[in-house]
Amino acid sequence: MAIGARLRRLLAPSPARVSLQIATDRVTGVALGRGAREVTAVSTASLPEGVLIASANASNLGDRAAVEAAVRHVLDALPGSPGRLALVVPDSAAKVSLTSFKQIPSRSADLKELVRWQARKTAPFRVEDAQVAYSQGRALEGGGREYVVSLMRRDIVEEYESVCSAAGAHAGVVDLSSFSLLNGVLAGRAMNEGDWLLVHVAHSYSTIAVVRDGQLILFRNRSSEGDGNLVDLVHQTAMYYEDRLGGAGFSRVLLVVGLAETNPEEADDLRATLESRLGASVEAIGAELALSGAGAEGVSPDLLAAPVGLLLRERSSAETAA
């Protein structure tokens, strides 16, 4: 048994060293070296407005040829012409929910069916047409557990995979941008205790997430055209956290402004406004990720955080399995 398990690990592919983020305003490729957070190369290409529209229930490729061209340009600029990569896609291309079960089936197949059955109640599309992923969340009183469930229409997943394939690359793993940010922070092991808040501002949406003792306990995604402004939404989320989740205050608040066209002054103004409303210090994610290497020089850590975070998660998972 032990020998067989070891052989399977030896034969399993090593974690990808290249990740690609396809956002609504740009495509970014990142290559990591052997050092945990050593960025060896970065390549990026902008996307015109409307070329990619992140939606959970409609085609995301407004202009397939333009997205394919941007992906090809980015990958060609990275060393070694990577054939396998990790892919980061926009949060709003999927539906994320936190689902609680009082009793957990002992068989994984039964748990999978229970998750899918529950997802049918709120999914904006047929669950049968979706990729369903779930992971354990916090333990609940009485033996129950919460699960983080993400749904993404299979044809939309295939759209993102296909633009990579057109450039000669295979997306071995696909994950959401904010999930990748959270995993990148958690890979540092310094944020696995207490409650902390992530505020992620992207080109066409914003996501707010709360993590408690390393487990996601709140996830809110809103399009840029949604009601109210971001600062109000963060304040409302903080109130909900205190009133409904028993929150005693955030040990850290991290802000990620993943907008290629945002200047540092605008990000600083947003940070200061959030600090005023929350009554807490708001930090940029760059210091937490502590990126190094020539590839990271002169590039905003906010633009690298998600693709680096996904690679760190894959590397951490491989080390755990070894």
C-alpha atoms as a PDB file:
ATOM      1  CA  MET A   1       0.000   0.000   0.000  1.00  0.00           C
ATOM      2  CA  ALA A   2       2.688   2.492   1.028  1.00  0.00           C
ATOM      3  CA  ILE A   3       4.887   1.575  -1.928  1.00  0.00           C
ATOM      4  CA  GLY A   4       1.995   1.931  -4.350  1.00  0.00           C
ATOM      5  CA  ALA A   5       1.105   5.351  -2.962  1.00  0.00           C
ATOM      6  CA  ARG A   6       4.706   6.454  -3.306  1.00  0.00           C
ATOM      7  CA  LEU A   7       4.853   5.299  -6.918  1.00  0.00           C
ATOM      8  CA  ARG A   8       1.689   7.219  -7.738  1.00  0.00           C
ATOM      9  CA  ARG A   9       3.232  10.380  -6.342  1.00  0.00           C
ATOM     10  CA  LEU A  10       6.416   9.810  -8.320  1.00  0.00           C
ATOM     11  CA  LEU A  11       4.453   9.347 -11.514  1.00  0.00           C
ATOM     12  CA  ALA A  12       2.163  12.315 -10.901  1.00  0.00           C
ATOM     13  CA  PRO A  13       2.994  15.500 -12.827  1.00  0.00           C
ATOM     14  CA  SER A  14       4.949  18.111 -10.899  1.00  0.00           C
ATOM     15  CA  PRO A  15       3.141  21.364 -10.039  1.00  0.00           C
ATOM     16  CA  ALA A  16       2.945  23.893 -12.847  1.00  0.00           C
ATOM     17  CA  ARG A  17       5.522  26.664 -12.733  1.00  0.00           C
ATOM     18  CA  VAL A  18       3.544  28.952 -15.012  1.00  0.00           C
ATOM     19  CA  SER A  19       0.135  30.452 -14.392  1.00  0.00           C
ATOM     20  CA  LEU A  20      -2.080  32.534 -16.605  1.00  0.00           C
ATOM     21  CA  GLN A  21      -4.719  34.968 -15.409  1.00  0.00           C
ATOM     22  CA  ILE A  22      -7.435  35.901 -17.868  1.00  0.00           C
ATOM     23  CA  ALA A  23      -9.204  38.992 -16.542  1.00  0.00           C
ATOM     24  CA  THR A  24     -11.702  41.249 -18.282  1.00  0.00           C
ATOM     25  CA  ASP A  25      -9.065  43.947 -18.854  1.00  0.00           C
ATOM     26  CA  ARG A  26      -5.896  41.942 -19.412  1.00  0.00           C
ATOM     27  CA  VAL A  27      -4.094  38.609 -19.681  1.00  0.00           C
ATOM     28  CA  THR A  28      -1.130  38.076 -17.344  1.00  0.00           C
ATOM     29  CA  GLY A  29       1.371  35.236 -17.348  1.00  0.00           C
ATOM     30  CA  VAL A  30       3.705  34.511 -14.430  1.00  0.00           C
ATOM     31  CA  ALA A  31       6.572  32.023 -14.111  1.00  0.00           C
ATOM     32  CA  LEU A  32       7.899  30.963 -10.713  1.00  0.00           C
ATOM     33  CA  GLY A  33      11.393  29.686 -10.037  1.00  0.00           C
ATOM     34  CA  ARG A  34      12.460  27.078  -7.538  1.00  0.00           C
ATOM     35  CA  GLY A  35      12.267  29.594  -4.730  1.00  0.00           C
ATOM     36  CA  ALA A  36       8.853  29.608  -3.055  1.00  0.00           C
ATOM     37  CA  ARG A  37       7.965  33.143  -4.177  1.00  0.00           C
ATOM     38  CA  GLU A  38      10.618  33.846  -6.778  1.00  0.00           C
ATOM     39  CA  VAL A  39       9.037  35.378  -9.882  1.00  0.00           C
ATOM     40  CA  THR A  40      11.317  34.716 -12.839  1.00  0.00           C
ATOM     41  CA  ALA A  41       9.184  36.172 -15.626  1.00  0.00           C
ATOM     42  CA  VAL A  42       6.013  38.204 -16.168  1.00  0.00           C
ATOM     43  CA  SER A  43       4.188  38.950 -19.387  1.00  0.00           C
ATOM     44  CA  THR A  44       0.958  40.870 -19.877  1.00  0.00           C
ATOM     45  CA  ALA A  45      -1.355  42.037 -22.641  1.00  0.00           C
ATOM     46  CA  SER A  46      -4.319  44.360 -22.327  1.00  0.00           C
ATOM     47  CA  LEU A  47      -7.820  43.472 -23.506  1.00  0.00           C
ATOM     48  CA  PRO A  48     -10.097  46.147 -24.981  1.00  0.00           C
ATOM     49  CA  GLU A  49     -13.438  46.778 -23.303  1.00  0.00           C
ATOM     50  CA  GLY A  50     -16.025  44.115 -24.191  1.00  0.00           C
ATOM     51  CA  VAL A  51     -13.568  41.546 -25.534  1.00  0.00           C
ATOM     52  CA  LEU A  52     -14.113  39.393 -22.430  1.00  0.00           C
ATOM     53  CA  ILE A  53     -17.272  39.735 -20.314  1.00  0.00           C
ATOM     54  CA  ALA A  54     -17.170  37.676 -17.119  1.00  0.00           C
ATOM     55  CA  SER A  55     -20.619  36.189 -16.551  1.00  0.00           C
ATOM     56  CA  ALA A  56     -21.832  33.063 -14.780  1.00  0.00           C
ATOM     57  CA  ASN A  57     -24.688  32.464 -17.191  1.00  0.00           C
ATOM     58  CA  ALA A  58     -23.587  33.612 -20.655  1.00  0.00           C
ATOM     59  CA  SER A  59     -20.649  33.213 -23.000  1.00  0.00           C
ATOM     60  CA  ASN A  60     -17.607  35.088 -21.688  1.00  0.00           C
ATOM     61  CA  LEU A  61     -15.819  35.483 -25.023  1.00  0.00           C
ATOM     62  CA  GLY A  62     -17.078  38.655 -26.644  1.00  0.00           C
ATOM     63  CA  ASP A  63     -14.236  38.432 -29.160  1.00  0.00           C
ATOM     64  CA  ARG A  64     -12.613  34.981 -29.146  1.00  0.00           C
ATOM     65  CA  ALA A  65      -9.929  35.910 -31.680  1.00  0.00           C
ATOM     66  CA  ALA A  66      -8.783  38.885 -29.592  1.00  0.00           C
ATOM     67  CA  VAL A  67      -8.549  36.810 -26.394  1.00  0.00           C
ATOM     68  CA  GLU A  68      -6.688  34.019 -28.197  1.00  0.00           C
ATOM     69  CA  ALA A  69      -4.226  36.558 -29.620  1.00  0.00           C
ATOM     70  CA  ALA A  70      -3.588  38.058 -26.169  1.00  0.00           C
ATOM     71  CA  VAL A  71      -3.048  34.618 -24.597  1.00  0.00           C
ATOM     72  CA  ARG A  72      -0.658  33.621 -27.385  1.00  0.00           C
ATOM     73  CA  HIS A  73       1.288  36.876 -27.037  1.00  0.00           C
ATOM     74  CA  VAL A  74       1.673  36.422 -23.265  1.00  0.00           C
ATOM     75  CA  LEU A  75       2.707  32.772 -23.428  1.00  0.00           C
ATOM     76  CA  ASP A  76       5.176  33.386 -26.258  1.00  0.00           C
ATOM     77  CA  ALA A  77       6.896  35.983 -24.076  1.00  0.00           C
ATOM     78  CA  LEU A  78       7.447  33.532 -21.214  1.00  0.00           C
ATOM     79  CA  PRO A  79      10.536  31.297 -21.223  1.00  0.00           C
ATOM     80  CA  GLY A  80      10.251  27.734 -22.425  1.00  0.00           C
ATOM     81  CA  SER A  81       6.898  28.015 -24.224  1.00  0.00           C
ATOM     82  CA  PRO A  82       4.954  26.374 -21.361  1.00  0.00           C
ATOM     83  CA  GLY A  83       2.748  23.488 -22.432  1.00  0.00           C
ATOM     84  CA  ARG A  84       0.994  23.078 -19.083  1.00  0.00           C
ATOM     85  CA  LEU A  85      -0.194  25.879 -16.848  1.00  0.00           C
ATOM     86  CA  ALA A  86      -2.501  26.870 -14.012  1.00  0.00           C
ATOM     87  CA  LEU A  87      -5.344  29.147 -15.065  1.00  0.00           C
ATOM     88  CA  VAL A  88      -7.014  31.939 -13.082  1.00  0.00           C
ATOM     89  CA  VAL A  89     -10.438  33.178 -14.224  1.00  0.00           C
ATOM     90  CA  PRO A  90     -12.712  35.986 -12.961  1.00  0.00           C
ATOM     91  CA  ASP A  91     -14.819  35.396  -9.839  1.00  0.00           C
ATOM     92  CA  SER A  92     -17.985  36.491 -11.607  1.00  0.00           C
ATOM     93  CA  ALA A  93     -17.653  33.666 -14.149  1.00  0.00           C
ATOM     94  CA  ALA A  94     -18.840  31.313 -11.391  1.00  0.00           C
ATOM     95  CA  LYS A  95     -21.324  31.177  -8.534  1.00  0.00           C
ATOM     96  CA  VAL A  96     -19.862  30.678  -5.058  1.00  0.00           C
ATOM     97  CA  SER A  97     -21.873  29.796  -1.974  1.00  0.00           C
ATOM     98  CA  LEU A  98     -21.314  28.525   1.543  1.00  0.00           C
ATOM     99  CA  THR A  99     -23.578  25.573   2.317  1.00  0.00           C
ATOM    100  CA  SER A 100     -24.122  23.996   5.745  1.00  0.00           C
ATOM    101  CA  PHE A 101     -25.025  20.379   6.506  1.00  0.00           C
ATOM    102  CA  LYS A 102     -26.029  19.158   9.954  1.00  0.00           C
ATOM    103  CA  GLN A 103     -24.984  15.604   9.091  1.00  0.00           C
ATOM    104  CA  ILE A 104     -22.161  14.621   6.746  1.00  0.00           C
ATOM    105  CA  PRO A 105     -22.450  11.374   4.753  1.00  0.00           C
ATOM    106  CA  SER A 106     -19.616   8.928   5.365  1.00  0.00           C
ATOM    107  CA  ARG A 107     -19.283   8.093   1.653  1.00  0.00           C
ATOM    108  CA  SER A 108     -17.728  10.739  -0.602  1.00  0.00           C
ATOM    109  CA  ALA A 109     -20.140   9.853  -3.429  1.00  0.00           C
ATOM    110  CA  ASP A 110     -23.110  10.556  -1.153  1.00  0.00           C
ATOM    111  CA  LEU A 111     -21.612  13.871  -0.063  1.00  0.00           C
ATOM    112  CA  LYS A 112     -21.100  14.861  -3.694  1.00  0.00           C
ATOM    113  CA  GLU A 113     -24.748  14.160  -4.476  1.00  0.00           C
ATOM    114  CA  LEU A 114     -25.857  16.080  -1.387  1.00  0.00           C
ATOM    115  CA  VAL A 115     -23.821  19.108  -2.457  1.00  0.00           C
ATOM    116  CA  ARG A 116     -25.247  18.984  -5.984  1.00  0.00           C
ATOM    117  CA  TRP A 117     -28.798  18.590  -4.673  1.00  0.00           C
ATOM    118  CA  GLN A 118     -28.384  21.640  -2.453  1.00  0.00           C
ATOM    119  CA  ALA A 119     -26.785  23.649  -5.274  1.00  0.00           C
ATOM    120  CA  ARG A 120     -29.846  23.124  -7.484  1.00  0.00           C
ATOM    121  CA  LYS A 121     -31.875  25.361  -5.173  1.00  0.00           C
ATOM    122  CA  THR A 122     -29.913  28.517  -5.951  1.00  0.00           C
ATOM    123  CA  ALA A 123     -27.979  27.863  -9.175  1.00  0.00           C
ATOM    124  CA  PRO A 124     -28.864  30.278 -12.020  1.00  0.00           C
ATOM    125  CA  PHE A 125     -28.378  27.398 -14.485  1.00  0.00           C
ATOM    126  CA  ARG A 126     -28.809  23.631 -14.622  1.00  0.00           C
ATOM    127  CA  VAL A 127     -26.416  21.926 -12.208  1.00  0.00           C
ATOM    128  CA  GLU A 128     -26.191  19.071 -14.724  1.00  0.00           C
ATOM    129  CA  ASP A 129     -24.485  21.533 -17.080  1.00  0.00           C
ATOM    130  CA  ALA A 130     -21.978  22.746 -14.502  1.00  0.00           C
ATOM    131  CA  GLN A 131     -18.613  21.914 -13.040  1.00  0.00           C
ATOM    132  CA  VAL A 132     -19.200  21.601  -9.289  1.00  0.00           C
ATOM    133  CA  ALA A 133     -16.287  21.949  -6.863  1.00  0.00           C
ATOM    134  CA  TYR A 134     -16.467  21.996  -3.100  1.00  0.00           C
ATOM    135  CA  SER A 135     -14.128  22.016  -0.139  1.00  0.00           C
ATOM    136  CA  GLN A 136     -14.494  21.747   3.608  1.00  0.00           C
ATOM    137  CA  GLY A 137     -15.248  24.914   5.517  1.00  0.00           C
ATOM    138  CA  ARG A 138     -15.597  25.496   9.220  1.00  0.00           C
ATOM    139  CA  ALA A 139     -16.907  22.859  11.600  1.00  0.00           C
ATOM    140  CA  LEU A 140     -20.321  23.605  13.124  1.00  0.00           C
ATOM    141  CA  GLU A 141     -21.744  22.787  16.508  1.00  0.00           C
ATOM    142  CA  GLY A 142     -23.356  19.361  16.749  1.00  0.00           C
ATOM    143  CA  GLY A 143     -21.034  17.706  14.257  1.00  0.00           C
ATOM    144  CA  GLY A 144     -22.149  19.579  11.148  1.00  0.00           C
ATOM    145  CA  ARG A 145     -19.902  21.327   8.662  1.00  0.00           C
ATOM    146  CA  GLU A 146     -19.979  24.157   6.193  1.00  0.00           C
ATOM    147  CA  TYR A 147     -18.737  23.662   2.624  1.00  0.00           C
ATOM    148  CA  VAL A 148     -17.485  26.188   0.096  1.00  0.00           C
ATOM    149  CA  VAL A 149     -19.223  25.350  -3.172  1.00  0.00           C
ATOM    150  CA  SER A 150     -18.401  26.837  -6.568  1.00  0.00           C
ATOM    151  CA  LEU A 151     -20.424  26.260  -9.727  1.00  0.00           C
ATOM    152  CA  MET A 152     -19.273  27.117 -13.217  1.00  0.00           C
ATOM    153  CA  ARG A 153     -21.062  26.258 -16.427  1.00  0.00           C
ATOM    154  CA  ARG A 154     -19.096  23.592 -18.237  1.00  0.00           C
ATOM    155  CA  ASP A 155     -19.242  25.414 -21.573  1.00  0.00           C
ATOM    156  CA  ILE A 156     -17.777  28.541 -19.940  1.00  0.00           C
ATOM    157  CA  VAL A 157     -14.928  26.511 -18.416  1.00  0.00           C
ATOM    158  CA  GLU A 158     -14.287  25.089 -21.874  1.00  0.00           C
ATOM    159  CA  GLU A 159     -14.180  28.604 -23.353  1.00  0.00           C
ATOM    160  CA  TYR A 160     -11.296  29.558 -21.089  1.00  0.00           C
ATOM    161  CA  GLU A 161      -9.525  26.239 -21.634  1.00  0.00           C
ATOM    162  CA  SER A 162      -9.931  26.516 -25.409  1.00  0.00           C
ATOM    163  CA  VAL A 163      -8.141  29.870 -25.722  1.00  0.00           C
ATOM    164  CA  CYS A 164      -5.201  28.289 -23.907  1.00  0.00           C
ATOM    165  CA  SER A 165      -5.310  25.246 -26.191  1.00  0.00           C
ATOM    166  CA  ALA A 166      -5.295  27.523 -29.231  1.00  0.00           C
ATOM    167  CA  ALA A 167      -1.977  28.887 -27.979  1.00  0.00           C
ATOM    168  CA  GLY A 168      -0.558  25.382 -27.492  1.00  0.00           C
ATOM    169  CA  ALA A 169      -1.019  25.174 -23.716  1.00  0.00           C
ATOM    170  CA  HIS A 170      -3.101  22.928 -21.474  1.00  0.00           C
ATOM    171  CA  ALA A 171      -4.846  24.362 -18.409  1.00  0.00           C
ATOM    172  CA  GLY A 172      -4.216  21.611 -15.876  1.00  0.00           C
ATOM    173  CA  VAL A 173      -6.049  23.437 -13.110  1.00  0.00           C
ATOM    174  CA  VAL A 174      -8.603  26.256 -13.216  1.00  0.00           C
ATOM    175  CA  ASP A 175      -9.518  28.416 -10.237  1.00  0.00           C
ATOM    176  CA  LEU A 176     -11.167  31.719  -9.386  1.00  0.00           C
ATOM    177  CA  SER A 177      -9.167  34.877  -8.877  1.00  0.00           C
ATOM    178  CA  SER A 178     -10.174  35.551  -5.253  1.00  0.00           C
ATOM    179  CA  PHE A 179      -9.725  31.886  -4.298  1.00  0.00           C
ATOM    180  CA  SER A 180      -6.191  32.146  -5.675  1.00  0.00           C
ATOM    181  CA  LEU A 181      -5.572  35.319  -3.666  1.00  0.00           C
ATOM    182  CA  LEU A 182      -6.778  33.658  -0.470  1.00  0.00           C
ATOM    183  CA  ASN A 183      -4.681  30.554  -1.092  1.00  0.00           C
ATOM    184  CA  GLY A 184      -1.613  32.646  -1.805  1.00  0.00           C
ATOM    185  CA  VAL A 185      -1.970  34.374   1.559  1.00  0.00           C
ATOM    186  CA  LEU A 186      -2.709  31.134   3.409  1.00  0.00           C
ATOM    187  CA  ALA A 187       0.352  29.502   1.847  1.00  0.00           C
ATOM    188  CA  GLY A 188       2.417  31.883   3.945  1.00  0.00           C
ATOM    189  CA  ARG A 189       1.141  30.146   7.121  1.00  0.00           C
ATOM    190  CA  ALA A 190       1.050  33.484   8.963  1.00  0.00           C
ATOM    191  CA  MET A 191      -2.685  34.025   8.413  1.00  0.00           C
ATOM    192  CA  ASN A 192      -4.102  30.689   9.580  1.00  0.00           C
ATOM    193  CA  GLU A 193      -5.293  31.998  12.939  1.00  0.00           C
ATOM    194  CA  GLY A 194      -7.919  34.585  13.834  1.00  0.00           C
ATOM    195  CA  ASP A 195     -10.257  36.476  11.511  1.00  0.00           C
ATOM    196  CA  TRP A 196      -9.067  38.498   8.528  1.00  0.00           C
ATOM    197  CA  LEU A 197     -10.735  40.298   5.646  1.00  0.00           C
ATOM    198  CA  LEU A 198      -9.856  40.406   1.952  1.00  0.00           C
ATOM    199  CA  VAL A 199     -11.177  43.187  -0.284  1.00  0.00           C
ATOM    200  CA  HIS A 200     -10.518  42.435  -3.954  1.00  0.00           C
ATOM    201  CA  VAL A 201     -11.261  45.093  -6.573  1.00  0.00           C
ATOM    202  CA  ALA A 202     -11.176  43.837 -10.164  1.00  0.00           C
ATOM    203  CA  HIS A 203     -12.043  45.500 -13.464  1.00  0.00           C
ATOM    204  CA  SER A 204     -15.690  44.441 -13.603  1.00  0.00           C
ATOM    205  CA  TYR A 205     -16.456  43.262 -10.075  1.00  0.00           C
ATOM    206  CA  SER A 206     -15.482  43.356  -6.421  1.00  0.00           C
ATOM    207  CA  THR A 207     -15.206  40.453  -3.991  1.00  0.00           C
ATOM    208  CA  ILE A 208     -15.145  40.543  -0.204  1.00  0.00           C
ATOM    209  CA  ALA A 209     -14.090  37.469   1.769  1.00  0.00           C
ATOM    210  CA  VAL A 210     -13.676  36.718   5.468  1.00  0.00           C
ATOM    211  CA  VAL A 211     -11.380  33.936   6.680  1.00  0.00           C
ATOM    212  CA  ARG A 212     -11.457  32.483  10.200  1.00  0.00           C
ATOM    213  CA  ASP A 213      -8.646  30.220  11.390  1.00  0.00           C
ATOM    214  CA  GLY A 214      -7.775  29.379   7.797  1.00  0.00           C
ATOM    215  CA  GLN A 215     -11.386  28.653   6.735  1.00  0.00           C
ATOM    216  CA  LEU A 216     -13.508  30.823   4.435  1.00  0.00           C
ATOM    217  CA  ILE A 217     -16.648  31.916   6.331  1.00  0.00           C
ATOM    218  CA  LEU A 218     -18.012  34.652   4.037  1.00  0.00           C
ATOM    219  CA  PHE A 219     -17.759  35.341   0.316  1.00  0.00           C
ATOM    220  CA  ARG A 220     -19.535  38.162  -1.507  1.00  0.00           C
ATOM    221  CA  ASN A 221     -19.112  39.031  -5.168  1.00  0.00           C
ATOM    222  CA  ARG A 222     -20.737  42.052  -6.799  1.00  0.00           C
ATOM    223  CA  SER A 223     -20.481  43.450 -10.309  1.00  0.00           C
ATOM    224  CA  SER A 224     -19.176  46.981 -10.740  1.00  0.00           C
ATOM    225  CA  GLU A 225     -22.646  48.016 -11.879  1.00  0.00           C
ATOM    226  CA  GLY A 226     -24.254  46.755  -8.646  1.00  0.00           C
ATOM    227  CA  ASP A 227     -26.156  48.939  -6.213  1.00  0.00           C
ATOM    228  CA  GLY A 228     -24.135  51.003  -3.736  1.00  0.00           C
ATOM    229  CA  ASN A 229     -20.409  51.658  -3.678  1.00  0.00           C
ATOM    230  CA  LEU A 230     -17.631  49.386  -2.559  1.00  0.00           C
ATOM    231  CA  VAL A 231     -16.895  51.169   0.724  1.00  0.00           C
ATOM    232  CA  ASP A 232     -20.547  50.870   1.784  1.00  0.00           C
ATOM    233  CA  LEU A 233     -20.565  47.181   0.861  1.00  0.00           C
ATOM    234  CA  VAL A 234     -17.421  46.535   2.913  1.00  0.00           C
ATOM    235  CA  HIS A 235     -18.951  48.351   5.887  1.00  0.00           C
ATOM    236  CA  GLN A 236     -22.192  46.339   5.578  1.00  0.00           C
ATOM    237  CA  THR A 237     -20.160  43.145   5.392  1.00  0.00           C
ATOM    238  CA  ALA A 238     -18.259  44.097   8.551  1.00  0.00           C
ATOM    239  CA  MET A 239     -21.570  44.681  10.360  1.00  0.00           C
ATOM    240  CA  TYR A 240     -22.889  41.294   9.172  1.00  0.00           C
ATOM    241  CA  TYR A 241     -19.661  39.663  10.306  1.00  0.00           C
ATOM    242  CA  GLU A 242     -20.076  41.084  13.815  1.00  0.00           C
ATOM    243  CA  ASP A 243     -23.826  40.481  14.135  1.00  0.00           C
ATOM    244  CA  ARG A 244     -24.274  37.113  12.436  1.00  0.00           C
ATOM    245  CA  LEU A 245     -20.861  35.441  12.473  1.00  0.00           C
ATOM    246  CA  GLY A 246     -19.811  36.299  15.996  1.00  0.00           C
ATOM    247  CA  GLY A 247     -16.944  38.410  14.763  1.00  0.00           C
ATOM    248  CA  ALA A 248     -14.716  40.018  17.372  1.00  0.00           C
ATOM    249  CA  GLY A 249     -12.680  42.117  14.937  1.00  0.00           C
ATOM    250  CA  PHE A 250     -10.264  41.551  12.077  1.00  0.00           C
ATOM    251  CA  SER A 251      -6.644  40.825  12.861  1.00  0.00           C
ATOM    252  CA  ARG A 252      -5.708  41.926   9.327  1.00  0.00           C
ATOM    253  CA  VAL A 253      -7.449  43.619   6.411  1.00  0.00           C
ATOM    254  CA  LEU A 254      -5.880  43.086   2.984  1.00  0.00           C
ATOM    255  CA  LEU A 255      -6.723  45.144  -0.099  1.00  0.00           C
ATOM    256  CA  VAL A 256      -6.014  43.976  -3.650  1.00  0.00           C
ATOM    257  CA  VAL A 257      -6.653  46.436  -6.477  1.00  0.00           C
ATOM    258  CA  GLY A 258      -6.322  44.220  -9.528  1.00  0.00           C
ATOM    259  CA  LEU A 259      -6.876  46.974 -12.084  1.00  0.00           C
ATOM    260  CA  ALA A 260      -4.168  47.471 -14.654  1.00  0.00           C
ATOM    261  CA  GLU A 261      -5.111  51.141 -15.143  1.00  0.00           C
ATOM    262  CA  THR A 262      -5.355  52.122 -11.453  1.00  0.00           C
ATOM    263  CA  ASN A 263      -2.565  54.422 -10.291  1.00  0.00           C
ATOM    264  CA  PRO A 264      -1.033  54.135  -6.802  1.00  0.00           C
ATOM    265  CA  GLU A 265      -2.679  57.356  -5.635  1.00  0.00           C
ATOM    266  CA  GLU A 266      -6.172  55.987  -6.345  1.00  0.00           C
ATOM    267  CA  ALA A 267      -5.370  52.765  -4.488  1.00  0.00           C
ATOM    268  CA  ASP A 268      -4.046  54.774  -1.537  1.00  0.00           C
ATOM    269  CA  ASP A 269      -7.223  56.877  -1.447  1.00  0.00           C
ATOM    270  CA  LEU A 270      -9.373  53.737  -1.379  1.00  0.00           C
ATOM    271  CA  ARG A 271      -7.193  52.238   1.361  1.00  0.00           C
ATOM    272  CA  ALA A 272      -7.525  55.362   3.492  1.00  0.00           C
ATOM    273  CA  THR A 273     -11.310  55.478   3.024  1.00  0.00           C
ATOM    274  CA  LEU A 274     -11.673  51.831   4.023  1.00  0.00           C
ATOM    275  CA  GLU A 275      -9.524  52.401   7.087  1.00  0.00           C
ATOM    276  CA  SER A 276     -11.789  55.253   8.135  1.00  0.00           C
ATOM    277  CA  ARG A 277     -14.975  53.191   7.747  1.00  0.00           C
ATOM    278  CA  LEU A 278     -13.597  49.996   9.315  1.00  0.00           C
ATOM    279  CA  GLY A 279     -11.570  51.605  12.059  1.00  0.00           C
ATOM    280  CA  ALA A 280      -8.713  49.245  11.242  1.00  0.00           C
ATOM    281  CA  SER A 281      -5.455  49.313   9.311  1.00  0.00           C
ATOM    282  CA  VAL A 282      -5.772  48.205   5.680  1.00  0.00           C
ATOM    283  CA  GLU A 283      -2.674  46.679   4.087  1.00  0.00           C
ATOM    284  CA  ALA A 284      -1.690  46.010   0.492  1.00  0.00           C
ATOM    285  CA  ILE A 285      -1.200  42.348  -0.344  1.00  0.00           C
ATOM    286  CA  GLY A 286       2.334  42.859  -1.617  1.00  0.00           C
ATOM    287  CA  ALA A 287       4.013  42.706   1.776  1.00  0.00           C
ATOM    288  CA  GLU A 288       2.110  39.538   2.676  1.00  0.00           C
ATOM    289  CA  LEU A 289       3.135  37.726  -0.518  1.00  0.00           C
ATOM    290  CA  ALA A 290       6.757  38.918  -0.226  1.00  0.00           C
ATOM    291  CA  LEU A 291       7.524  38.278  -3.897  1.00  0.00           C
ATOM    292  CA  SER A 292      11.134  38.297  -5.069  1.00  0.00           C
ATOM    293  CA  GLY A 293      12.990  37.765  -8.324  1.00  0.00           C
ATOM    294  CA  ALA A 294      13.779  39.869 -11.353  1.00  0.00           C
ATOM    295  CA  GLY A 295      10.391  39.186 -12.901  1.00  0.00           C
ATOM    296  CA  ALA A 296       8.564  40.979 -10.086  1.00  0.00           C
ATOM    297  CA  GLU A 297      10.563  44.188 -10.398  1.00  0.00           C
ATOM    298  CA  GLY A 298       8.512  47.151 -11.552  1.00  0.00           C
ATOM    299  CA  VAL A 299       5.217  45.197 -11.597  1.00  0.00           C
ATOM    300  CA  SER A 300       2.436  45.881  -9.109  1.00  0.00           C
ATOM    301  CA  PRO A 301       2.146  42.932  -6.673  1.00  0.00           C
ATOM    302  CA  ASP A 302      -1.646  43.289  -6.920  1.00  0.00           C
ATOM    303  CA  LEU A 303      -1.519  42.249 -10.581  1.00  0.00           C
ATOM    304  CA  LEU A 304       0.645  39.223  -9.793  1.00  0.00           C
ATOM    305  CA  ALA A 305      -1.078  38.110  -6.590  1.00  0.00           C
ATOM    306  CA  ALA A 306      -3.765  35.828  -8.058  1.00  0.00           C
ATOM    307  CA  PRO A 307      -1.633  33.893 -10.587  1.00  0.00           C
ATOM    308  CA  VAL A 308       1.169  33.552  -8.014  1.00  0.00           C
ATOM    309  CA  GLY A 309      -1.345  32.468  -5.370  1.00  0.00           C
ATOM    310  CA  LEU A 310      -2.616  29.620  -7.529  1.00  0.00           C
ATOM    311  CA  LEU A 311       0.923  28.367  -8.151  1.00  0.00           C
ATOM    312  CA  LEU A 312       1.687  28.523  -4.427  1.00  0.00           C
ATOM    313  CA  ARG A 313      -1.431  26.492  -3.681  1.00  0.00           C
ATOM    314  CA  GLU A 314      -0.469  23.833  -6.213  1.00  0.00           C
ATOM    315  CA  ARG A 315       3.083  23.692  -4.869  1.00  0.00           C
ATOM    316  CA  SER A 316       1.820  23.424  -1.277  1.00  0.00           C
ATOM    317  CA  SER A 317      -0.602  20.625  -2.211  1.00  0.00           C
ATOM    318  CA  ALA A 318       2.195  18.677  -3.914  1.00  0.00           C
ATOM    319  CA  GLU A 319       4.467  19.040  -0.879  1.00  0.00           C
ATOM    320  CA  THR A 320       1.697  17.847   1.427  1.00  0.00           C
ATOM    321  CA  ALA A 321       1.117  14.760  -0.739  1.00  0.00           C
ATOM    322  CA  ALA A 322       4.835  13.927  -0.964  1.00  0.00           C
END
